[in-house]
Amino acid sequence: MRSRVMQWGNSLGVRIPRVYAEAVGFLPGTHVEIVAREDEIVIRRSDTKLESLLAQVTPENLHAEVTWGGPAGREQW
């Protein structure tokens, strides 16, 4: 598919057609990494800090549930 680079404020922008965005899992607000290589620009999903930290959780470093006791005020459990 062909598209056109357009002015967007002080930057340039290209619209990503829905079919391509859906194919790679891009949604509004998706964090991306942009890399320039020779004569191409690559846009790929970027792990957010939380996703990066959660990827490090394994059964070996996952702690058991912690009990804090029963309700102490007007909480609904």
PDB file of N, CA and C in Angstrom:
ATOM      1  N   MET A   1       0.837  -1.168   0.000  1.00  0.00           N
ATOM      2  CA  MET A   1       0.000   0.000   0.000  1.00  0.00           C
ATOM      3  C   MET A   1       0.886   1.237   0.000  1.00  0.00           C
ATOM      4  N   ARG A   2       0.497   2.216  -0.759  1.00  0.00           N
ATOM      5  CA  ARG A   2       1.232   3.468  -0.816  1.00  0.00           C
ATOM      6  C   ARG A   2       0.515   4.508   0.017  1.00  0.00           C
ATOM      7  N   SER A   3       1.278   5.427   0.588  1.00  0.00           N
ATOM      8  CA  SER A   3       0.722   6.492   1.398  1.00  0.00           C
ATOM      9  C   SER A   3       1.540   7.745   1.158  1.00  0.00           C
ATOM     10  N   ARG A   4       1.263   8.790   1.890  1.00  0.00           N
ATOM     11  CA  ARG A   4       1.976  10.044   1.695  1.00  0.00           C
ATOM     12  C   ARG A   4       2.393  10.591   3.056  1.00  0.00           C
ATOM     13  N   VAL A   5       3.599  11.119   3.147  1.00  0.00           N
ATOM     14  CA  VAL A   5       4.091  11.777   4.359  1.00  0.00           C
ATOM     15  C   VAL A   5       3.475  13.170   4.401  1.00  0.00           C
ATOM     16  N   MET A   6       2.889  13.516   5.566  1.00  0.00           N
ATOM     17  CA  MET A   6       2.217  14.799   5.715  1.00  0.00           C
ATOM     18  C   MET A   6       2.847  15.590   6.871  1.00  0.00           C
ATOM     19  N   GLN A   7       2.695  16.903   6.816  1.00  0.00           N
ATOM     20  CA  GLN A   7       3.161  17.776   7.890  1.00  0.00           C
ATOM     21  C   GLN A   7       2.220  17.619   9.075  1.00  0.00           C
ATOM     22  N   TRP A   8       2.788  17.490  10.299  1.00  0.00           N
ATOM     23  CA  TRP A   8       1.990  17.385  11.517  1.00  0.00           C
ATOM     24  C   TRP A   8       2.699  18.221  12.572  1.00  0.00           C
ATOM     25  N   GLY A   9       2.317  19.480  12.696  1.00  0.00           N
ATOM     26  CA  GLY A   9       3.025  20.406  13.578  1.00  0.00           C
ATOM     27  C   GLY A   9       4.433  20.610  13.046  1.00  0.00           C
ATOM     28  N   ASN A  10       5.444  20.431  13.915  1.00  0.00           N
ATOM     29  CA  ASN A  10       6.839  20.543  13.485  1.00  0.00           C
ATOM     30  C   ASN A  10       7.400  19.206  13.024  1.00  0.00           C
ATOM     31  N   SER A  11       6.561  18.179  13.002  1.00  0.00           N
ATOM     32  CA  SER A  11       7.006  16.831  12.627  1.00  0.00           C
ATOM     33  C   SER A  11       6.325  16.399  11.343  1.00  0.00           C
ATOM     34  N   LEU A  12       6.648  15.185  10.936  1.00  0.00           N
ATOM     35  CA  LEU A  12       5.991  14.571   9.786  1.00  0.00           C
ATOM     36  C   LEU A  12       5.217  13.366  10.278  1.00  0.00           C
ATOM     37  N   GLY A  13       4.174  12.997   9.582  1.00  0.00           N
ATOM     38  CA  GLY A  13       3.370  11.856   9.997  1.00  0.00           C
ATOM     39  C   GLY A  13       2.898  11.029   8.820  1.00  0.00           C
ATOM     40  N   VAL A  14       2.662   9.758   9.100  1.00  0.00           N
ATOM     41  CA  VAL A  14       2.096   8.832   8.123  1.00  0.00           C
ATOM     42  C   VAL A  14       0.974   8.092   8.828  1.00  0.00           C
ATOM     43  N   ARG A  15      -0.190   8.007   8.214  1.00  0.00           N
ATOM     44  CA  ARG A  15      -1.295   7.253   8.808  1.00  0.00           C
ATOM     45  C   ARG A  15      -1.048   5.769   8.592  1.00  0.00           C
ATOM     46  N   ILE A  16      -1.344   4.989   9.627  1.00  0.00           N
ATOM     47  CA  ILE A  16      -1.214   3.537   9.525  1.00  0.00           C
ATOM     48  C   ILE A  16      -2.600   2.983   9.244  1.00  0.00           C
ATOM     49  N   PRO A  17      -2.811   2.365   8.081  1.00  0.00           N
ATOM     50  CA  PRO A  17      -4.124   1.818   7.768  1.00  0.00           C
ATOM     51  C   PRO A  17      -4.568   0.796   8.813  1.00  0.00           C
ATOM     52  N   ARG A  18      -5.860   0.776   9.105  1.00  0.00           N
ATOM     53  CA  ARG A  18      -6.419  -0.082  10.143  1.00  0.00           C
ATOM     54  C   ARG A  18      -6.015  -1.534   9.966  1.00  0.00           C
ATOM     55  N   VAL A  19      -6.035  -2.050   8.756  1.00  0.00           N
ATOM     56  CA  VAL A  19      -5.713  -3.462   8.538  1.00  0.00           C
ATOM     57  C   VAL A  19      -4.301  -3.789   9.008  1.00  0.00           C
ATOM     58  N   TYR A  20      -3.361  -2.870   8.797  1.00  0.00           N
ATOM     59  CA  TYR A  20      -1.989  -3.094   9.250  1.00  0.00           C
ATOM     60  C   TYR A  20      -1.874  -2.923  10.760  1.00  0.00           C
ATOM     61  N   ALA A  21      -2.550  -1.907  11.302  1.00  0.00           N
ATOM     62  CA  ALA A  21      -2.510  -1.678  12.749  1.00  0.00           C
ATOM     63  C   ALA A  21      -3.077  -2.886  13.487  1.00  0.00           C
ATOM     64  N   GLU A  22      -4.195  -3.421  13.008  1.00  0.00           N
ATOM     65  CA  GLU A  22      -4.791  -4.590  13.650  1.00  0.00           C
ATOM     66  C   GLU A  22      -3.894  -5.820  13.520  1.00  0.00           C
ATOM     67  N   ALA A  23      -3.218  -5.949  12.392  1.00  0.00           N
ATOM     68  CA  ALA A  23      -2.363  -7.115  12.159  1.00  0.00           C
ATOM     69  C   ALA A  23      -1.204  -7.188  13.157  1.00  0.00           C
ATOM     70  N   VAL A  24      -0.709  -6.034  13.595  1.00  0.00           N
ATOM     71  CA  VAL A  24       0.417  -6.026  14.536  1.00  0.00           C
ATOM     72  C   VAL A  24       0.005  -5.658  15.953  1.00  0.00           C
ATOM     73  N   GLY A  25      -1.280  -5.446  16.179  1.00  0.00           N
ATOM     74  CA  GLY A  25      -1.769  -5.170  17.527  1.00  0.00           C
ATOM     75  C   GLY A  25      -1.619  -3.735  17.984  1.00  0.00           C
ATOM     76  N   PHE A  26      -1.535  -2.792  17.049  1.00  0.00           N
ATOM     77  CA  PHE A  26      -1.466  -1.380  17.428  1.00  0.00           C
ATOM     78  C   PHE A  26      -2.863  -0.885  17.761  1.00  0.00           C
ATOM     79  N   LEU A  27      -2.991  -0.232  18.915  1.00  0.00           N
ATOM     80  CA  LEU A  27      -4.221   0.414  19.330  1.00  0.00           C
ATOM     81  C   LEU A  27      -3.874   1.859  19.667  1.00  0.00           C
ATOM     82  N   PRO A  28      -4.859   2.748  19.727  1.00  0.00           N
ATOM     83  CA  PRO A  28      -4.549   4.108  20.163  1.00  0.00           C
ATOM     84  C   PRO A  28      -3.867   4.071  21.531  1.00  0.00           C
ATOM     85  N   GLY A  29      -2.763   4.773  21.659  1.00  0.00           N
ATOM     86  CA  GLY A  29      -2.023   4.794  22.920  1.00  0.00           C
ATOM     87  C   GLY A  29      -0.925   3.752  23.024  1.00  0.00           C
ATOM     88  N   THR A  30      -0.796   2.884  22.014  1.00  0.00           N
ATOM     89  CA  THR A  30       0.263   1.874  22.031  1.00  0.00           C
ATOM     90  C   THR A  30       1.621   2.566  22.005  1.00  0.00           C
ATOM     91  N   HIS A  31       2.515   2.163  22.891  1.00  0.00           N
ATOM     92  CA  HIS A  31       3.872   2.706  22.898  1.00  0.00           C
ATOM     93  C   HIS A  31       4.658   2.038  21.771  1.00  0.00           C
ATOM     94  N   VAL A  32       5.369   2.841  21.001  1.00  0.00           N
ATOM     95  CA  VAL A  32       6.153   2.313  19.891  1.00  0.00           C
ATOM     96  C   VAL A  32       7.585   2.811  19.955  1.00  0.00           C
ATOM     97  N   GLU A  33       8.440   2.089  19.292  1.00  0.00           N
ATOM     98  CA  GLU A  33       9.840   2.476  19.123  1.00  0.00           C
ATOM     99  C   GLU A  33      10.037   2.725  17.639  1.00  0.00           C
ATOM    100  N   ILE A  34      10.702   3.825  17.299  1.00  0.00           N
ATOM    101  CA  ILE A  34      10.939   4.170  15.904  1.00  0.00           C
ATOM    102  C   ILE A  34      12.438   4.106  15.649  1.00  0.00           C
ATOM    103  N   VAL A  35      12.832   3.322  14.638  1.00  0.00           N
ATOM    104  CA  VAL A  35      14.237   3.131  14.316  1.00  0.00           C
ATOM    105  C   VAL A  35      14.460   3.456  12.840  1.00  0.00           C
ATOM    106  N   ALA A  36      15.485   4.274  12.557  1.00  0.00           N
ATOM    107  CA  ALA A  36      15.844   4.588  11.177  1.00  0.00           C
ATOM    108  C   ALA A  36      17.022   3.716  10.771  1.00  0.00           C
ATOM    109  N   ARG A  37      16.882   3.026   9.636  1.00  0.00           N
ATOM    110  CA  ARG A  37      17.947   2.180   9.094  1.00  0.00           C
ATOM    111  C   ARG A  37      18.087   2.469   7.606  1.00  0.00           C
ATOM    112  N   GLU A  38      19.251   2.899   7.221  1.00  0.00           N
ATOM    113  CA  GLU A  38      19.545   3.202   5.815  1.00  0.00           C
ATOM    114  C   GLU A  38      18.386   3.963   5.178  1.00  0.00           C
ATOM    115  N   ASP A  39      17.612   3.332   4.303  1.00  0.00           N
ATOM    116  CA  ASP A  39      16.534   4.041   3.604  1.00  0.00           C
ATOM    117  C   ASP A  39      15.143   3.603   4.069  1.00  0.00           C
ATOM    118  N   GLU A  40      15.028   3.137   5.328  1.00  0.00           N
ATOM    119  CA  GLU A  40      13.723   2.710   5.839  1.00  0.00           C
ATOM    120  C   GLU A  40      13.538   3.165   7.282  1.00  0.00           C
ATOM    121  N   ILE A  41      12.296   3.251   7.699  1.00  0.00           N
ATOM    122  CA  ILE A  41      11.940   3.557   9.080  1.00  0.00           C
ATOM    123  C   ILE A  41      11.121   2.377   9.584  1.00  0.00           C
ATOM    124  N   VAL A  42      11.509   1.834  10.734  1.00  0.00           N
ATOM    125  CA  VAL A  42      10.822   0.695  11.330  1.00  0.00           C
ATOM    126  C   VAL A  42      10.090   1.178  12.574  1.00  0.00           C
ATOM    127  N   ILE A  43       8.803   0.850  12.665  1.00  0.00           N
ATOM    128  CA  ILE A  43       7.995   1.189  13.837  1.00  0.00           C
ATOM    129  C   ILE A  43       7.557  -0.120  14.464  1.00  0.00           C
ATOM    130  N   ARG A  44       7.915  -0.322  15.737  1.00  0.00           N
ATOM    131  CA  ARG A  44       7.530  -1.561  16.412  1.00  0.00           C
ATOM    132  C   ARG A  44       7.053  -1.247  17.820  1.00  0.00           C
ATOM    133  N   ARG A  45       6.238  -2.159  18.348  1.00  0.00           N
ATOM    134  CA  ARG A  45       5.748  -1.971  19.704  1.00  0.00           C
ATOM    135  C   ARG A  45       6.924  -1.914  20.665  1.00  0.00           C
ATOM    136  N   SER A  46       6.783  -1.072  21.671  1.00  0.00           N
ATOM    137  CA  SER A  46       7.810  -0.925  22.694  1.00  0.00           C
ATOM    138  C   SER A  46       7.205  -1.331  24.016  1.00  0.00           C
ATOM    139  N   ASP A  47       7.930  -2.146  24.777  1.00  0.00           N
ATOM    140  CA  ASP A  47       7.449  -2.516  26.103  1.00  0.00           C
ATOM    141  C   ASP A  47       7.409  -1.292  26.992  1.00  0.00           C
ATOM    142  N   THR A  48       6.309  -1.139  27.701  1.00  0.00           N
ATOM    143  CA  THR A  48       6.277  -0.101  28.724  1.00  0.00           C
ATOM    144  C   THR A  48       7.045  -0.638  29.918  1.00  0.00           C
ATOM    145  N   LYS A  49       7.349   0.185  30.862  1.00  0.00           N
ATOM    146  CA  LYS A  49       8.116  -0.250  32.022  1.00  0.00           C
ATOM    147  C   LYS A  49       7.387  -1.379  32.749  1.00  0.00           C
ATOM    148  N   LEU A  50       6.068  -1.262  32.913  1.00  0.00           N
ATOM    149  CA  LEU A  50       5.310  -2.298  33.608  1.00  0.00           C
ATOM    150  C   LEU A  50       5.380  -3.622  32.849  1.00  0.00           C
ATOM    151  N   GLU A  51       5.191  -3.585  31.540  1.00  0.00           N
ATOM    152  CA  GLU A  51       5.273  -4.819  30.750  1.00  0.00           C
ATOM    153  C   GLU A  51       6.649  -5.445  30.863  1.00  0.00           C
ATOM    154  N   SER A  52       7.677  -4.618  30.857  1.00  0.00           N
ATOM    155  CA  SER A  52       9.040  -5.113  30.987  1.00  0.00           C
ATOM    156  C   SER A  52       9.257  -5.786  32.338  1.00  0.00           C
ATOM    157  N   LEU A  53       8.738  -5.163  33.400  1.00  0.00           N
ATOM    158  CA  LEU A  53       8.887  -5.752  34.732  1.00  0.00           C
ATOM    159  C   LEU A  53       8.078  -7.040  34.859  1.00  0.00           C
ATOM    160  N   LEU A  54       6.852  -7.050  34.347  1.00  0.00           N
ATOM    161  CA  LEU A  54       6.016  -8.247  34.440  1.00  0.00           C
ATOM    162  C   LEU A  54       6.607  -9.411  33.649  1.00  0.00           C
ATOM    163  N   ALA A  55       7.329  -9.114  32.578  1.00  0.00           N
ATOM    164  CA  ALA A  55       7.955 -10.176  31.788  1.00  0.00           C
ATOM    165  C   ALA A  55       9.022 -10.914  32.591  1.00  0.00           C
ATOM    166  N   GLN A  56       9.525 -10.287  33.661  1.00  0.00           N
ATOM    167  CA  GLN A  56      10.559 -10.903  34.486  1.00  0.00           C
ATOM    168  C   GLN A  56       9.986 -11.785  35.603  1.00  0.00           C
ATOM    169  N   VAL A  57       8.657 -11.776  35.775  1.00  0.00           N
ATOM    170  CA  VAL A  57       8.036 -12.599  36.825  1.00  0.00           C
ATOM    171  C   VAL A  57       8.022 -14.053  36.378  1.00  0.00           C
ATOM    172  N   THR A  58       8.541 -14.923  37.236  1.00  0.00           N
ATOM    173  CA  THR A  58       8.569 -16.361  36.953  1.00  0.00           C
ATOM    174  C   THR A  58       7.977 -17.096  38.157  1.00  0.00           C
ATOM    175  N   PRO A  59       7.621 -18.359  38.000  1.00  0.00           N
ATOM    176  CA  PRO A  59       7.127 -19.121  39.153  1.00  0.00           C
ATOM    177  C   PRO A  59       8.147 -19.153  40.293  1.00  0.00           C
ATOM    178  N   GLU A  60       9.432 -19.082  39.977  1.00  0.00           N
ATOM    179  CA  GLU A  60      10.466 -19.136  40.998  1.00  0.00           C
ATOM    180  C   GLU A  60      10.541 -17.857  41.837  1.00  0.00           C
ATOM    181  N   ASN A  61      10.245 -16.692  41.249  1.00  0.00           N
ATOM    182  CA  ASN A  61      10.356 -15.450  42.015  1.00  0.00           C
ATOM    183  C   ASN A  61       8.991 -14.850  42.385  1.00  0.00           C
ATOM    184  N   LEU A  62       7.924 -15.593  42.176  1.00  0.00           N
ATOM    185  CA  LEU A  62       6.582 -15.138  42.526  1.00  0.00           C
ATOM    186  C   LEU A  62       6.280 -15.532  43.966  1.00  0.00           C
ATOM    187  N   HIS A  63       5.979 -14.556  44.811  1.00  0.00           N
ATOM    188  CA  HIS A  63       5.719 -14.863  46.221  1.00  0.00           C
ATOM    189  C   HIS A  63       4.267 -15.301  46.419  1.00  0.00           C
ATOM    190  N   ALA A  64       3.995 -15.909  47.553  1.00  0.00           N
ATOM    191  CA  ALA A  64       2.648 -16.379  47.878  1.00  0.00           C
ATOM    192  C   ALA A  64       1.762 -15.194  48.264  1.00  0.00           C
ATOM    193  N   GLU A  65       0.469 -15.434  48.298  1.00  0.00           N
ATOM    194  CA  GLU A  65      -0.489 -14.411  48.702  1.00  0.00           C
ATOM    195  C   GLU A  65      -0.231 -13.985  50.138  1.00  0.00           C
ATOM    196  N   VAL A  66      -0.392 -12.695  50.417  1.00  0.00           N
ATOM    197  CA  VAL A  66      -0.178 -12.146  51.754  1.00  0.00           C
ATOM    198  C   VAL A  66      -1.528 -11.799  52.355  1.00  0.00           C
ATOM    199  N   THR A  67      -1.793 -12.250  53.568  1.00  0.00           N
ATOM    200  CA  THR A  67      -3.041 -11.957  54.257  1.00  0.00           C
ATOM    201  C   THR A  67      -2.822 -10.779  55.189  1.00  0.00           C
ATOM    202  N   TRP A  68      -3.680  -9.800  55.105  1.00  0.00           N
ATOM    203  CA  TRP A  68      -3.557  -8.600  55.928  1.00  0.00           C
ATOM    204  C   TRP A  68      -4.588  -8.573  57.047  1.00  0.00           C
ATOM    205  N   GLY A  69      -5.338  -9.658  57.217  1.00  0.00           N
ATOM    206  CA  GLY A  69      -6.347  -9.697  58.266  1.00  0.00           C
ATOM    207  C   GLY A  69      -7.717  -9.320  57.726  1.00  0.00           C
ATOM    208  N   GLY A  70      -8.703  -9.323  58.629  1.00  0.00           N
ATOM    209  CA  GLY A  70     -10.074  -9.010  58.240  1.00  0.00           C
ATOM    210  C   GLY A  70     -10.292  -7.521  58.135  1.00  0.00           C
ATOM    211  N   PRO A  71     -11.546  -7.131  57.827  1.00  0.00           N
ATOM    212  CA  PRO A  71     -11.886  -5.705  57.712  1.00  0.00           C
ATOM    213  C   PRO A  71     -11.623  -4.977  59.032  1.00  0.00           C
ATOM    214  N   ALA A  72     -11.158  -3.762  58.956  1.00  0.00           N
ATOM    215  CA  ALA A  72     -10.851  -2.981  60.146  1.00  0.00           C
ATOM    216  C   ALA A  72     -11.797  -1.791  60.274  1.00  0.00           C
ATOM    217  N   GLY A  73     -12.548  -1.510  59.263  1.00  0.00           N
ATOM    218  CA  GLY A  73     -13.477  -0.376  59.283  1.00  0.00           C
ATOM    219  C   GLY A  73     -14.789  -0.789  58.643  1.00  0.00           C
ATOM    220  N   ARG A  74     -15.262   0.034  57.716  1.00  0.00           N
ATOM    221  CA  ARG A  74     -16.530  -0.256  57.070  1.00  0.00           C
ATOM    222  C   ARG A  74     -16.330  -0.859  55.677  1.00  0.00           C
ATOM    223  N   GLU A  75     -15.184  -1.534  55.449  1.00  0.00           N
ATOM    224  CA  GLU A  75     -14.922  -2.142  54.154  1.00  0.00           C
ATOM    225  C   GLU A  75     -15.952  -3.222  53.856  1.00  0.00           C
ATOM    226  N   GLN A  76     -16.228  -3.420  52.602  1.00  0.00           N
ATOM    227  CA  GLN A  76     -17.108  -4.497  52.148  1.00  0.00           C
ATOM    228  C   GLN A  76     -16.233  -5.564  51.523  1.00  0.00           C
ATOM    229  N   TRP A  77     -16.210  -6.783  52.038  1.00  0.00           N
ATOM    230  CA  TRP A  77     -15.401  -7.862  51.498  1.00  0.00           C
ATOM    231  C   TRP A  77     -16.269  -8.882  50.857  1.00  0.00           C
TER     232      TRP A  77
END
